[in-house]
N, C-alpha and C. Protein backbone atom coordinates (compact mmCIF):
# COMPACT_ATOMS: atom_id res chain seq x y z
N MET A 1 14.74 4.58 9.35
CA MET A 1 14.40 4.75 7.94
C MET A 1 15.42 5.68 7.31
N ARG A 2 15.79 5.33 6.11
CA ARG A 2 16.73 6.17 5.36
C ARG A 2 16.28 7.63 5.36
N SER A 3 17.21 8.54 5.47
CA SER A 3 16.86 9.96 5.62
C SER A 3 16.17 10.55 4.39
N ASP A 4 16.32 9.92 3.22
CA ASP A 4 15.69 10.47 2.02
C ASP A 4 14.26 9.97 1.82
N ILE A 5 13.81 9.06 2.67
CA ILE A 5 12.43 8.56 2.57
C ILE A 5 11.56 9.44 3.47
N VAL A 6 11.01 10.47 2.86
CA VAL A 6 10.21 11.48 3.57
C VAL A 6 9.00 11.80 2.69
N PRO A 7 7.97 12.44 3.26
CA PRO A 7 6.84 12.85 2.43
C PRO A 7 7.32 13.68 1.23
N GLY A 8 6.81 13.32 0.07
CA GLY A 8 7.18 13.97 -1.18
C GLY A 8 8.24 13.22 -1.97
N ALA A 9 8.99 12.33 -1.31
CA ALA A 9 10.01 11.53 -1.99
C ALA A 9 9.35 10.34 -2.70
N VAL A 10 10.07 9.77 -3.64
CA VAL A 10 9.59 8.58 -4.32
C VAL A 10 10.13 7.35 -3.60
N PHE A 11 9.24 6.46 -3.22
CA PHE A 11 9.62 5.24 -2.52
C PHE A 11 10.25 4.28 -3.52
N PRO A 12 11.24 3.49 -3.11
CA PRO A 12 11.89 2.55 -4.04
C PRO A 12 10.89 1.55 -4.62
N ASP A 13 11.10 1.23 -5.87
CA ASP A 13 10.21 0.30 -6.60
C ASP A 13 10.73 -1.12 -6.44
N TYR A 14 10.58 -1.66 -5.24
CA TYR A 14 11.09 -3.00 -4.96
C TYR A 14 10.37 -4.05 -5.79
N GLU A 15 11.12 -5.08 -6.15
CA GLU A 15 10.55 -6.25 -6.83
C GLU A 15 10.82 -7.47 -5.96
N LEU A 16 9.73 -8.11 -5.52
CA LEU A 16 9.83 -9.25 -4.62
C LEU A 16 8.82 -10.31 -5.05
N ARG A 17 8.94 -11.50 -4.46
CA ARG A 17 7.98 -12.56 -4.75
C ARG A 17 6.72 -12.35 -3.92
N ASP A 18 5.57 -12.52 -4.58
CA ASP A 18 4.31 -12.41 -3.84
C ASP A 18 3.95 -13.78 -3.27
N HIS A 19 2.80 -13.84 -2.63
CA HIS A 19 2.36 -15.06 -1.95
C HIS A 19 2.18 -16.25 -2.90
N THR A 20 2.12 -15.98 -4.21
CA THR A 20 2.01 -17.08 -5.19
C THR A 20 3.38 -17.48 -5.74
N GLY A 21 4.41 -16.73 -5.37
CA GLY A 21 5.75 -17.00 -5.89
C GLY A 21 6.11 -16.15 -7.09
N ALA A 22 5.15 -15.38 -7.62
CA ALA A 22 5.41 -14.52 -8.78
C ALA A 22 6.17 -13.27 -8.35
N ARG A 23 7.09 -12.83 -9.20
CA ARG A 23 7.83 -11.60 -8.91
C ARG A 23 6.94 -10.41 -9.24
N ARG A 24 6.83 -9.46 -8.31
CA ARG A 24 5.96 -8.30 -8.49
C ARG A 24 6.70 -7.03 -8.09
N ARG A 25 6.53 -5.99 -8.88
CA ARG A 25 7.09 -4.67 -8.55
C ARG A 25 6.01 -3.85 -7.86
N LEU A 26 6.42 -3.01 -6.92
CA LEU A 26 5.45 -2.15 -6.25
C LEU A 26 4.72 -1.27 -7.24
N SER A 27 5.42 -0.73 -8.23
CA SER A 27 4.76 0.15 -9.21
C SER A 27 3.68 -0.60 -9.99
N GLY A 28 3.92 -1.86 -10.29
CA GLY A 28 2.91 -2.66 -10.99
C GLY A 28 1.71 -2.95 -10.12
N LEU A 29 1.95 -3.16 -8.84
CA LEU A 29 0.85 -3.39 -7.91
C LEU A 29 0.05 -2.12 -7.67
N GLN A 30 0.73 -0.98 -7.72
CA GLN A 30 0.05 0.29 -7.47
C GLN A 30 -0.76 0.76 -8.66
N GLY A 31 -0.24 0.60 -9.88
CA GLY A 31 -0.93 1.17 -11.03
C GLY A 31 -1.01 2.68 -10.87
N SER A 32 -2.21 3.24 -11.10
CA SER A 32 -2.38 4.70 -10.98
C SER A 32 -3.15 5.07 -9.72
N ASP A 33 -3.15 4.18 -8.75
CA ASP A 33 -3.95 4.38 -7.54
C ASP A 33 -3.08 4.70 -6.32
N PRO A 34 -3.66 5.33 -5.29
CA PRO A 34 -2.97 5.44 -4.01
C PRO A 34 -2.76 4.03 -3.42
N MET A 35 -1.73 3.89 -2.61
CA MET A 35 -1.44 2.56 -2.07
C MET A 35 -0.89 2.66 -0.65
N ILE A 36 -1.32 1.74 0.19
CA ILE A 36 -0.77 1.58 1.53
C ILE A 36 0.23 0.43 1.47
N VAL A 37 1.43 0.67 1.99
CA VAL A 37 2.45 -0.38 2.07
C VAL A 37 2.75 -0.62 3.54
N VAL A 38 2.57 -1.87 3.97
CA VAL A 38 2.85 -2.25 5.35
C VAL A 38 4.15 -3.05 5.36
N LEU A 39 5.14 -2.54 6.07
CA LEU A 39 6.41 -3.25 6.25
C LEU A 39 6.35 -3.87 7.63
N GLY A 40 6.21 -5.20 7.68
CA GLY A 40 5.95 -5.85 8.95
C GLY A 40 7.06 -6.76 9.41
N ARG A 41 6.92 -7.17 10.66
CA ARG A 41 7.86 -8.14 11.23
C ARG A 41 7.61 -9.53 10.66
N GLY A 42 6.36 -9.92 10.60
CA GLY A 42 6.03 -11.24 10.09
C GLY A 42 4.98 -11.92 10.94
N GLY A 43 4.64 -13.13 10.55
CA GLY A 43 3.56 -13.87 11.18
C GLY A 43 3.77 -14.20 12.64
N TYR A 44 5.01 -14.21 13.11
CA TYR A 44 5.27 -14.54 14.52
C TYR A 44 4.84 -13.41 15.46
N CYS A 45 4.65 -12.21 14.93
CA CYS A 45 4.43 -11.02 15.77
C CYS A 45 2.94 -10.79 16.02
N PRO A 46 2.49 -10.83 17.27
CA PRO A 46 1.07 -10.60 17.54
C PRO A 46 0.62 -9.18 17.19
N LYS A 47 1.53 -8.22 17.24
CA LYS A 47 1.17 -6.85 16.87
C LYS A 47 0.90 -6.77 15.36
N ASP A 48 1.73 -7.44 14.57
CA ASP A 48 1.50 -7.48 13.12
C ASP A 48 0.16 -8.14 12.81
N ARG A 49 -0.11 -9.25 13.48
CA ARG A 49 -1.38 -9.95 13.22
C ARG A 49 -2.57 -9.05 13.57
N ARG A 50 -2.49 -8.35 14.70
CA ARG A 50 -3.60 -7.48 15.11
C ARG A 50 -3.78 -6.33 14.12
N GLN A 51 -2.67 -5.73 13.68
CA GLN A 51 -2.77 -4.66 12.69
C GLN A 51 -3.42 -5.17 11.41
N HIS A 52 -3.02 -6.35 10.98
CA HIS A 52 -3.57 -6.90 9.74
C HIS A 52 -5.03 -7.32 9.89
N GLU A 53 -5.42 -7.73 11.08
CA GLU A 53 -6.85 -8.04 11.29
C GLU A 53 -7.70 -6.80 11.02
N SER A 54 -7.25 -5.63 11.46
CA SER A 54 -8.02 -4.42 11.19
C SER A 54 -7.93 -4.03 9.72
N LEU A 55 -6.82 -4.35 9.07
CA LEU A 55 -6.69 -4.05 7.64
C LEU A 55 -7.59 -4.94 6.78
N VAL A 56 -7.90 -6.15 7.27
CA VAL A 56 -8.81 -7.02 6.52
C VAL A 56 -10.15 -6.32 6.32
N GLU A 57 -10.67 -5.71 7.37
CA GLU A 57 -11.94 -4.98 7.25
C GLU A 57 -11.77 -3.73 6.40
N LEU A 58 -10.70 -2.98 6.62
CA LEU A 58 -10.48 -1.76 5.84
C LEU A 58 -10.27 -2.07 4.36
N HIS A 59 -9.71 -3.22 4.05
CA HIS A 59 -9.43 -3.56 2.65
C HIS A 59 -10.70 -3.56 1.80
N ARG A 60 -11.82 -3.88 2.39
CA ARG A 60 -13.08 -3.84 1.65
C ARG A 60 -13.37 -2.41 1.18
N GLU A 61 -13.03 -1.42 2.00
CA GLU A 61 -13.20 -0.01 1.61
C GLU A 61 -12.11 0.40 0.62
N ILE A 62 -10.90 -0.08 0.83
CA ILE A 62 -9.79 0.25 -0.07
C ILE A 62 -10.12 -0.19 -1.49
N GLU A 63 -10.68 -1.38 -1.63
CA GLU A 63 -11.02 -1.89 -2.96
C GLU A 63 -12.05 -1.02 -3.65
N VAL A 64 -13.15 -0.72 -2.98
CA VAL A 64 -14.20 0.07 -3.63
C VAL A 64 -13.80 1.53 -3.79
N GLY A 65 -12.76 1.96 -3.06
CA GLY A 65 -12.25 3.33 -3.18
C GLY A 65 -11.14 3.46 -4.20
N TYR A 66 -10.89 2.41 -4.99
CA TYR A 66 -9.85 2.41 -6.02
C TYR A 66 -8.48 2.75 -5.44
N CYS A 67 -8.14 2.06 -4.37
CA CYS A 67 -6.82 2.18 -3.75
C CYS A 67 -6.23 0.77 -3.64
N ARG A 68 -4.99 0.70 -3.25
CA ARG A 68 -4.30 -0.59 -3.16
C ARG A 68 -3.67 -0.77 -1.79
N LEU A 69 -3.38 -2.02 -1.46
CA LEU A 69 -2.76 -2.39 -0.20
C LEU A 69 -1.76 -3.51 -0.47
N VAL A 70 -0.57 -3.39 0.10
CA VAL A 70 0.48 -4.40 -0.05
C VAL A 70 1.16 -4.57 1.31
N THR A 71 1.46 -5.81 1.65
CA THR A 71 2.23 -6.11 2.86
C THR A 71 3.55 -6.74 2.45
N ILE A 72 4.63 -6.30 3.09
CA ILE A 72 5.96 -6.90 2.88
C ILE A 72 6.48 -7.34 4.25
N THR A 73 6.92 -8.60 4.32
CA THR A 73 7.55 -9.09 5.56
C THR A 73 8.85 -9.81 5.21
N THR A 74 9.63 -10.09 6.23
CA THR A 74 10.87 -10.84 6.04
C THR A 74 10.61 -12.35 6.12
N ASP A 75 9.35 -12.76 6.20
CA ASP A 75 9.01 -14.18 6.22
C ASP A 75 9.35 -14.85 4.89
N ASP A 76 9.59 -16.15 4.94
CA ASP A 76 9.74 -16.90 3.70
C ASP A 76 8.35 -17.10 3.08
N LEU A 77 8.32 -17.72 1.91
CA LEU A 77 7.06 -17.83 1.18
C LEU A 77 6.01 -18.64 1.94
N LEU A 78 6.42 -19.71 2.60
CA LEU A 78 5.48 -20.53 3.36
C LEU A 78 4.85 -19.73 4.51
N ALA A 79 5.69 -19.07 5.29
CA ALA A 79 5.18 -18.27 6.42
C ALA A 79 4.33 -17.10 5.93
N THR A 80 4.71 -16.52 4.80
CA THR A 80 3.92 -15.43 4.21
C THR A 80 2.52 -15.91 3.88
N ASN A 81 2.44 -17.08 3.25
CA ASN A 81 1.13 -17.64 2.91
C ASN A 81 0.32 -18.02 4.14
N GLU A 82 0.99 -18.54 5.15
CA GLU A 82 0.28 -18.90 6.38
C GLU A 82 -0.31 -17.67 7.05
N LEU A 83 0.45 -16.58 7.08
CA LEU A 83 -0.06 -15.34 7.66
C LEU A 83 -1.25 -14.83 6.85
N ARG A 84 -1.09 -14.75 5.55
CA ARG A 84 -2.15 -14.22 4.68
C ARG A 84 -3.41 -15.07 4.78
N SER A 85 -3.26 -16.38 4.70
CA SER A 85 -4.41 -17.27 4.76
C SER A 85 -5.07 -17.24 6.13
N GLY A 86 -4.26 -17.23 7.17
CA GLY A 86 -4.81 -17.21 8.53
C GLY A 86 -5.61 -15.95 8.82
N LEU A 87 -5.25 -14.86 8.17
CA LEU A 87 -5.98 -13.61 8.34
C LEU A 87 -7.23 -13.52 7.47
N GLY A 88 -7.26 -14.33 6.42
CA GLY A 88 -8.34 -14.19 5.43
C GLY A 88 -8.14 -12.94 4.59
N ALA A 89 -6.87 -12.57 4.36
CA ALA A 89 -6.54 -11.36 3.59
C ALA A 89 -6.58 -11.66 2.10
N HIS A 90 -6.93 -10.65 1.31
CA HIS A 90 -7.07 -10.84 -0.14
C HIS A 90 -6.25 -9.84 -0.94
N TRP A 91 -5.20 -9.31 -0.34
CA TRP A 91 -4.32 -8.40 -1.07
C TRP A 91 -2.94 -9.04 -1.16
N PRO A 92 -2.05 -8.51 -2.01
CA PRO A 92 -0.73 -9.11 -2.17
C PRO A 92 0.14 -9.00 -0.92
N PHE A 93 0.74 -10.11 -0.56
CA PHE A 93 1.75 -10.16 0.50
C PHE A 93 3.07 -10.50 -0.20
N LEU A 94 4.09 -9.69 0.03
CA LEU A 94 5.40 -9.92 -0.59
C LEU A 94 6.36 -10.47 0.44
N SER A 95 7.14 -11.45 0.01
CA SER A 95 8.07 -12.16 0.87
C SER A 95 9.49 -11.65 0.61
N ASP A 96 10.18 -11.25 1.68
CA ASP A 96 11.54 -10.72 1.55
C ASP A 96 12.49 -11.37 2.56
N PRO A 97 12.68 -12.71 2.46
CA PRO A 97 13.56 -13.38 3.42
C PRO A 97 15.03 -12.95 3.29
N GLU A 98 15.41 -12.41 2.12
CA GLU A 98 16.79 -11.93 1.96
C GLU A 98 16.98 -10.55 2.59
N ARG A 99 15.88 -9.95 3.04
CA ARG A 99 15.89 -8.66 3.74
C ARG A 99 16.43 -7.52 2.87
N VAL A 100 16.06 -7.54 1.61
CA VAL A 100 16.45 -6.49 0.67
C VAL A 100 15.89 -5.15 1.13
N VAL A 101 14.61 -5.12 1.46
CA VAL A 101 13.95 -3.88 1.89
C VAL A 101 14.53 -3.41 3.23
N GLN A 102 14.65 -4.34 4.16
CA GLN A 102 15.18 -4.01 5.49
C GLN A 102 16.55 -3.34 5.38
N LYS A 103 17.43 -3.92 4.57
CA LYS A 103 18.79 -3.39 4.44
C LYS A 103 18.80 -2.08 3.67
N ASP A 104 18.04 -2.02 2.58
CA ASP A 104 18.05 -0.82 1.75
C ASP A 104 17.49 0.40 2.50
N LEU A 105 16.44 0.18 3.28
CA LEU A 105 15.82 1.28 4.02
C LEU A 105 16.48 1.53 5.38
N ASP A 106 17.41 0.65 5.77
CA ASP A 106 18.09 0.75 7.06
C ASP A 106 17.09 0.69 8.21
N ILE A 107 16.23 -0.35 8.18
CA ILE A 107 15.22 -0.51 9.22
C ILE A 107 15.31 -1.88 9.90
N ALA A 108 16.52 -2.38 10.06
CA ALA A 108 16.69 -3.62 10.81
C ALA A 108 16.30 -3.37 12.26
N GLU A 109 15.48 -4.25 12.81
CA GLU A 109 15.09 -4.12 14.22
C GLU A 109 16.20 -4.74 15.07
N TYR A 110 17.18 -3.92 15.38
CA TYR A 110 18.39 -4.39 16.06
C TYR A 110 18.12 -4.92 17.46
N THR A 111 16.94 -4.62 18.03
CA THR A 111 16.61 -5.12 19.36
C THR A 111 16.10 -6.56 19.33
N ASP A 112 15.97 -7.13 18.13
CA ASP A 112 15.50 -8.52 18.00
C ASP A 112 16.43 -9.29 17.06
N PRO A 113 17.65 -9.61 17.51
CA PRO A 113 18.58 -10.34 16.64
C PRO A 113 18.13 -11.76 16.32
N MET A 114 17.24 -12.34 17.14
CA MET A 114 16.79 -13.70 16.88
C MET A 114 15.98 -13.79 15.59
N HIS A 115 15.02 -12.88 15.39
CA HIS A 115 14.18 -12.91 14.19
C HIS A 115 14.73 -12.03 13.07
N ASP A 116 15.55 -11.03 13.40
CA ASP A 116 16.10 -10.08 12.43
C ASP A 116 15.01 -9.50 11.52
N PRO A 117 13.94 -8.95 12.12
CA PRO A 117 12.87 -8.40 11.29
C PRO A 117 13.14 -6.96 10.90
N MET A 118 12.19 -6.39 10.15
CA MET A 118 12.20 -4.96 9.88
C MET A 118 11.53 -4.25 11.04
N ILE A 119 11.94 -3.02 11.32
CA ILE A 119 11.16 -2.18 12.23
C ILE A 119 9.87 -1.89 11.47
N PRO A 120 8.72 -2.21 12.04
CA PRO A 120 7.47 -2.05 11.31
C PRO A 120 7.20 -0.59 10.92
N HIS A 121 6.82 -0.41 9.69
CA HIS A 121 6.42 0.90 9.17
C HIS A 121 5.18 0.72 8.31
N THR A 122 4.35 1.73 8.26
CA THR A 122 3.23 1.77 7.33
C THR A 122 3.36 3.07 6.56
N LEU A 123 3.31 2.96 5.23
CA LEU A 123 3.43 4.14 4.38
C LEU A 123 2.19 4.27 3.51
N VAL A 124 1.76 5.49 3.31
CA VAL A 124 0.70 5.78 2.35
C VAL A 124 1.37 6.47 1.18
N LEU A 125 1.19 5.90 0.00
CA LEU A 125 1.85 6.40 -1.20
C LEU A 125 0.84 6.95 -2.20
N ALA A 126 1.12 8.13 -2.72
CA ALA A 126 0.35 8.68 -3.83
C ALA A 126 0.80 7.97 -5.10
N PRO A 127 0.03 8.10 -6.20
CA PRO A 127 0.48 7.48 -7.46
C PRO A 127 1.91 7.88 -7.80
N GLY A 128 2.62 6.94 -8.42
CA GLY A 128 4.03 7.16 -8.72
C GLY A 128 4.93 6.83 -7.55
N LEU A 129 4.39 6.09 -6.54
CA LEU A 129 5.12 5.70 -5.33
C LEU A 129 5.60 6.91 -4.53
N VAL A 130 4.90 8.02 -4.63
CA VAL A 130 5.27 9.23 -3.90
C VAL A 130 4.79 9.11 -2.45
N VAL A 131 5.70 9.28 -1.51
CA VAL A 131 5.38 9.14 -0.10
C VAL A 131 4.47 10.28 0.37
N HIS A 132 3.32 9.92 0.93
CA HIS A 132 2.41 10.90 1.52
C HIS A 132 2.61 10.93 3.04
N SER A 133 2.64 9.76 3.67
CA SER A 133 2.81 9.71 5.12
C SER A 133 3.54 8.43 5.52
N ILE A 134 4.20 8.51 6.68
CA ILE A 134 4.97 7.38 7.21
C ILE A 134 4.64 7.23 8.69
N TYR A 135 4.33 6.00 9.07
CA TYR A 135 4.07 5.68 10.48
C TYR A 135 5.10 4.64 10.92
N VAL A 136 5.69 4.85 12.09
CA VAL A 136 6.66 3.90 12.65
C VAL A 136 5.94 3.07 13.70
N GLY A 137 5.91 1.74 13.51
CA GLY A 137 5.12 0.88 14.37
C GLY A 137 5.89 -0.02 15.31
N TYR A 138 7.08 0.40 15.72
CA TYR A 138 7.82 -0.41 16.69
C TYR A 138 6.95 -0.65 17.92
N TRP A 139 6.32 0.41 18.40
CA TRP A 139 5.28 0.30 19.42
C TRP A 139 3.95 0.23 18.70
N PHE A 140 3.05 -0.61 19.17
CA PHE A 140 1.80 -0.86 18.44
C PHE A 140 1.03 0.42 18.17
N PHE A 141 0.97 1.33 19.13
CA PHE A 141 0.17 2.54 18.93
C PHE A 141 0.86 3.58 18.06
N GLY A 142 2.04 3.24 17.56
CA GLY A 142 2.65 4.05 16.51
C GLY A 142 2.10 3.71 15.14
N ARG A 143 1.40 2.60 15.06
CA ARG A 143 0.82 2.17 13.78
C ARG A 143 -0.48 2.94 13.53
N PRO A 144 -0.80 3.20 12.27
CA PRO A 144 -1.99 4.01 11.99
C PRO A 144 -3.28 3.23 12.23
N THR A 145 -4.28 3.94 12.69
CA THR A 145 -5.60 3.34 12.80
C THR A 145 -6.25 3.35 11.42
N SER A 146 -7.33 2.62 11.28
CA SER A 146 -8.08 2.64 10.03
C SER A 146 -8.55 4.05 9.71
N GLU A 147 -8.94 4.80 10.73
CA GLU A 147 -9.42 6.16 10.50
C GLU A 147 -8.30 7.07 10.00
N GLU A 148 -7.11 6.91 10.55
CA GLU A 148 -5.97 7.71 10.05
C GLU A 148 -5.68 7.37 8.60
N LEU A 149 -5.74 6.10 8.25
CA LEU A 149 -5.50 5.69 6.87
C LEU A 149 -6.59 6.24 5.94
N ARG A 150 -7.83 6.24 6.40
CA ARG A 150 -8.91 6.84 5.60
C ARG A 150 -8.62 8.31 5.31
N HIS A 151 -8.19 9.04 6.34
CA HIS A 151 -7.88 10.47 6.15
C HIS A 151 -6.72 10.66 5.17
N ASP A 152 -5.69 9.82 5.29
CA ASP A 152 -4.56 9.91 4.37
C ASP A 152 -5.00 9.62 2.94
N LEU A 153 -5.78 8.55 2.76
CA LEU A 153 -6.23 8.21 1.41
C LEU A 153 -7.12 9.30 0.83
N ARG A 154 -7.97 9.90 1.67
CA ARG A 154 -8.82 11.00 1.19
C ARG A 154 -7.96 12.17 0.71
N ALA A 155 -6.93 12.51 1.47
CA ALA A 155 -6.05 13.62 1.08
C ALA A 155 -5.34 13.32 -0.24
N VAL A 156 -4.86 12.09 -0.40
CA VAL A 156 -4.18 11.71 -1.64
C VAL A 156 -5.17 11.72 -2.81
N LEU A 157 -6.34 11.15 -2.60
CA LEU A 157 -7.33 11.09 -3.68
C LEU A 157 -7.77 12.48 -4.12
N ARG A 158 -7.91 13.40 -3.19
CA ARG A 158 -8.28 14.78 -3.56
C ARG A 158 -7.27 15.38 -4.53
N ARG A 159 -5.99 15.02 -4.35
CA ARG A 159 -4.94 15.57 -5.22
C ARG A 159 -4.82 14.84 -6.55
N CYS A 160 -5.10 13.53 -6.56
CA CYS A 160 -4.80 12.77 -7.78
C CYS A 160 -6.02 12.44 -8.64
N ARG A 161 -7.22 12.73 -8.17
CA ARG A 161 -8.42 12.46 -8.95
C ARG A 161 -9.01 13.77 -9.45
N PRO A 162 -8.87 14.08 -10.73
CA PRO A 162 -9.38 15.34 -11.24
C PRO A 162 -10.89 15.51 -11.05
N ASP A 163 -11.60 14.41 -10.93
CA ASP A 163 -13.06 14.49 -10.76
C ASP A 163 -13.48 14.27 -9.31
N TRP A 164 -12.59 14.61 -8.36
CA TRP A 164 -12.92 14.41 -6.95
C TRP A 164 -14.22 15.12 -6.58
N ASP A 165 -14.37 16.37 -7.03
CA ASP A 165 -15.58 17.13 -6.74
C ASP A 165 -16.30 17.42 -8.05
N ILE A 166 -17.23 16.54 -8.41
CA ILE A 166 -17.91 16.70 -9.70
C ILE A 166 -18.99 17.78 -9.68
N THR A 167 -19.12 18.49 -8.56
CA THR A 167 -20.11 19.56 -8.50
C THR A 167 -19.57 20.88 -9.04
N THR A 168 -18.27 20.93 -9.41
CA THR A 168 -17.73 22.20 -9.90
C THR A 168 -18.32 22.53 -11.27
N PRO A 169 -18.53 23.80 -11.55
CA PRO A 169 -19.07 24.20 -12.86
C PRO A 169 -18.18 23.76 -14.02
N GLU A 170 -16.85 23.75 -13.80
CA GLU A 170 -15.93 23.36 -14.87
C GLU A 170 -16.12 21.90 -15.27
N LEU A 171 -16.26 21.02 -14.28
CA LEU A 171 -16.46 19.60 -14.60
C LEU A 171 -17.83 19.36 -15.23
N ARG A 172 -18.83 20.03 -14.73
CA ARG A 172 -20.17 19.89 -15.32
C ARG A 172 -20.16 20.32 -16.79
N ALA A 173 -19.47 21.43 -17.08
CA ALA A 173 -19.38 21.93 -18.45
C ALA A 173 -18.60 20.95 -19.33
N ALA A 174 -17.51 20.38 -18.79
CA ALA A 174 -16.73 19.40 -19.56
C ALA A 174 -17.59 18.20 -19.91
N TRP A 175 -18.38 17.72 -18.95
CA TRP A 175 -19.25 16.58 -19.20
C TRP A 175 -20.26 16.88 -20.29
N LYS A 176 -20.85 18.06 -20.23
CA LYS A 176 -21.84 18.47 -21.24
C LYS A 176 -21.21 18.58 -22.62
N ARG A 177 -19.94 18.99 -22.70
CA ARG A 177 -19.21 19.08 -23.98
C ARG A 177 -18.84 17.72 -24.53
N GLY A 178 -18.95 16.69 -23.68
CA GLY A 178 -18.52 15.36 -24.09
C GLY A 178 -17.07 15.07 -23.79
N ASP A 179 -16.42 15.98 -23.06
CA ASP A 179 -15.01 15.81 -22.68
C ASP A 179 -14.96 14.95 -21.43
N ARG A 180 -14.57 13.68 -21.59
CA ARG A 180 -14.54 12.75 -20.47
C ARG A 180 -13.13 12.57 -19.89
N SER A 181 -12.16 13.36 -20.35
CA SER A 181 -10.76 13.15 -19.94
C SER A 181 -10.54 13.37 -18.45
N ALA A 182 -11.39 14.16 -17.78
CA ALA A 182 -11.21 14.41 -16.35
C ALA A 182 -12.07 13.49 -15.49
N PHE A 183 -12.73 12.53 -16.11
CA PHE A 183 -13.65 11.66 -15.36
C PHE A 183 -13.14 10.23 -15.36
N TRP A 184 -13.30 9.57 -14.20
CA TRP A 184 -12.93 8.16 -14.08
C TRP A 184 -13.71 7.35 -15.10
N PRO A 185 -13.13 6.48 -15.86
CA PRO A 185 -11.77 5.93 -15.78
C PRO A 185 -10.73 6.64 -16.64
N TYR A 186 -10.90 7.92 -16.90
CA TYR A 186 -9.90 8.73 -17.57
C TYR A 186 -9.46 8.15 -18.91
N GLY A 187 -10.46 7.82 -19.72
CA GLY A 187 -10.19 7.35 -21.07
C GLY A 187 -9.78 5.90 -21.20
N LYS A 188 -9.79 5.14 -20.13
CA LYS A 188 -9.41 3.73 -20.19
C LYS A 188 -10.62 2.87 -20.51
N THR A 189 -10.37 1.76 -21.17
CA THR A 189 -11.43 0.80 -21.44
C THR A 189 -11.60 -0.10 -20.23
N LEU A 190 -12.71 -0.82 -20.18
CA LEU A 190 -12.92 -1.77 -19.09
C LEU A 190 -11.83 -2.84 -19.08
N ALA A 191 -11.37 -3.25 -20.26
CA ALA A 191 -10.32 -4.27 -20.34
C ALA A 191 -9.02 -3.73 -19.72
N GLN A 192 -8.70 -2.46 -19.98
CA GLN A 192 -7.49 -1.87 -19.39
C GLN A 192 -7.62 -1.77 -17.87
N LEU A 193 -8.79 -1.37 -17.39
CA LEU A 193 -9.01 -1.29 -15.95
C LEU A 193 -8.89 -2.66 -15.30
N PHE A 194 -9.46 -3.67 -15.95
CA PHE A 194 -9.40 -5.03 -15.40
C PHE A 194 -7.94 -5.51 -15.34
N ALA A 195 -7.19 -5.20 -16.39
CA ALA A 195 -5.78 -5.63 -16.44
C ALA A 195 -4.98 -4.98 -15.31
N GLU A 196 -5.30 -3.73 -14.97
CA GLU A 196 -4.60 -3.04 -13.89
C GLU A 196 -4.90 -3.64 -12.52
N THR A 197 -6.10 -4.17 -12.34
CA THR A 197 -6.49 -4.66 -11.02
C THR A 197 -6.24 -6.15 -10.84
N SER A 198 -5.84 -6.84 -11.87
CA SER A 198 -5.62 -8.29 -11.72
C SER A 198 -4.16 -8.61 -11.57
C-alpha cells in the first residue's frame, strides 16, 4: 500500500463502474456516513467469497447503522455481477479491470501473475474518505472479522455523530430549546436522506 495511505489520511476518491455499469465515485457512495471499502481479488478467490459471505450478514447491520459498504475488484463487469449475485449481496460492487486502484495504491499481488489481482485490503473510512483502519488480507486471517468491523464503525460513529450519546445534559437542553442541528438527520429532509441512500 502506498506509504501515504495511513489512518488519518484521505483515501483517493476513485470513480469506477458499478455492477450496473454506472460510473460511481467513492465520495458519492459514502455520502456523510462511515464506509467499509473491500479491495478484493475477485470472484475466483475462495477467500474473497468467504469474506463476502460474512459481509452479507453484517451488511444488514451496516444499513440500519447508517453506514456504507463498497467492494472493488479487478473483475470485469460480468464477473463482478456474478460474484455479487452469487453471494446475494445488496451493496455496490465496483469493477476495475484496468487496475486503476491496484496501480495507484501499489498493491499488485506480484505472487499471482496469472490473475494480476490486488493484494486484498479492507479499509474503514470516516466521513470525507478519511482512513480509520486498514487490514491487509493476503492471508485470510489478516482480514477483519465482523466484530472488528463493528468496533471500528462504533469508534468512527462516536466521532462523527454529534448525537451519539443523547443522555448528555447539553443535548437534552438543545432538544428542549427546539435546536435540532445536533440530532439525526441534522436538518435534512426525508427526500434529501433518500437521495443520499439511493
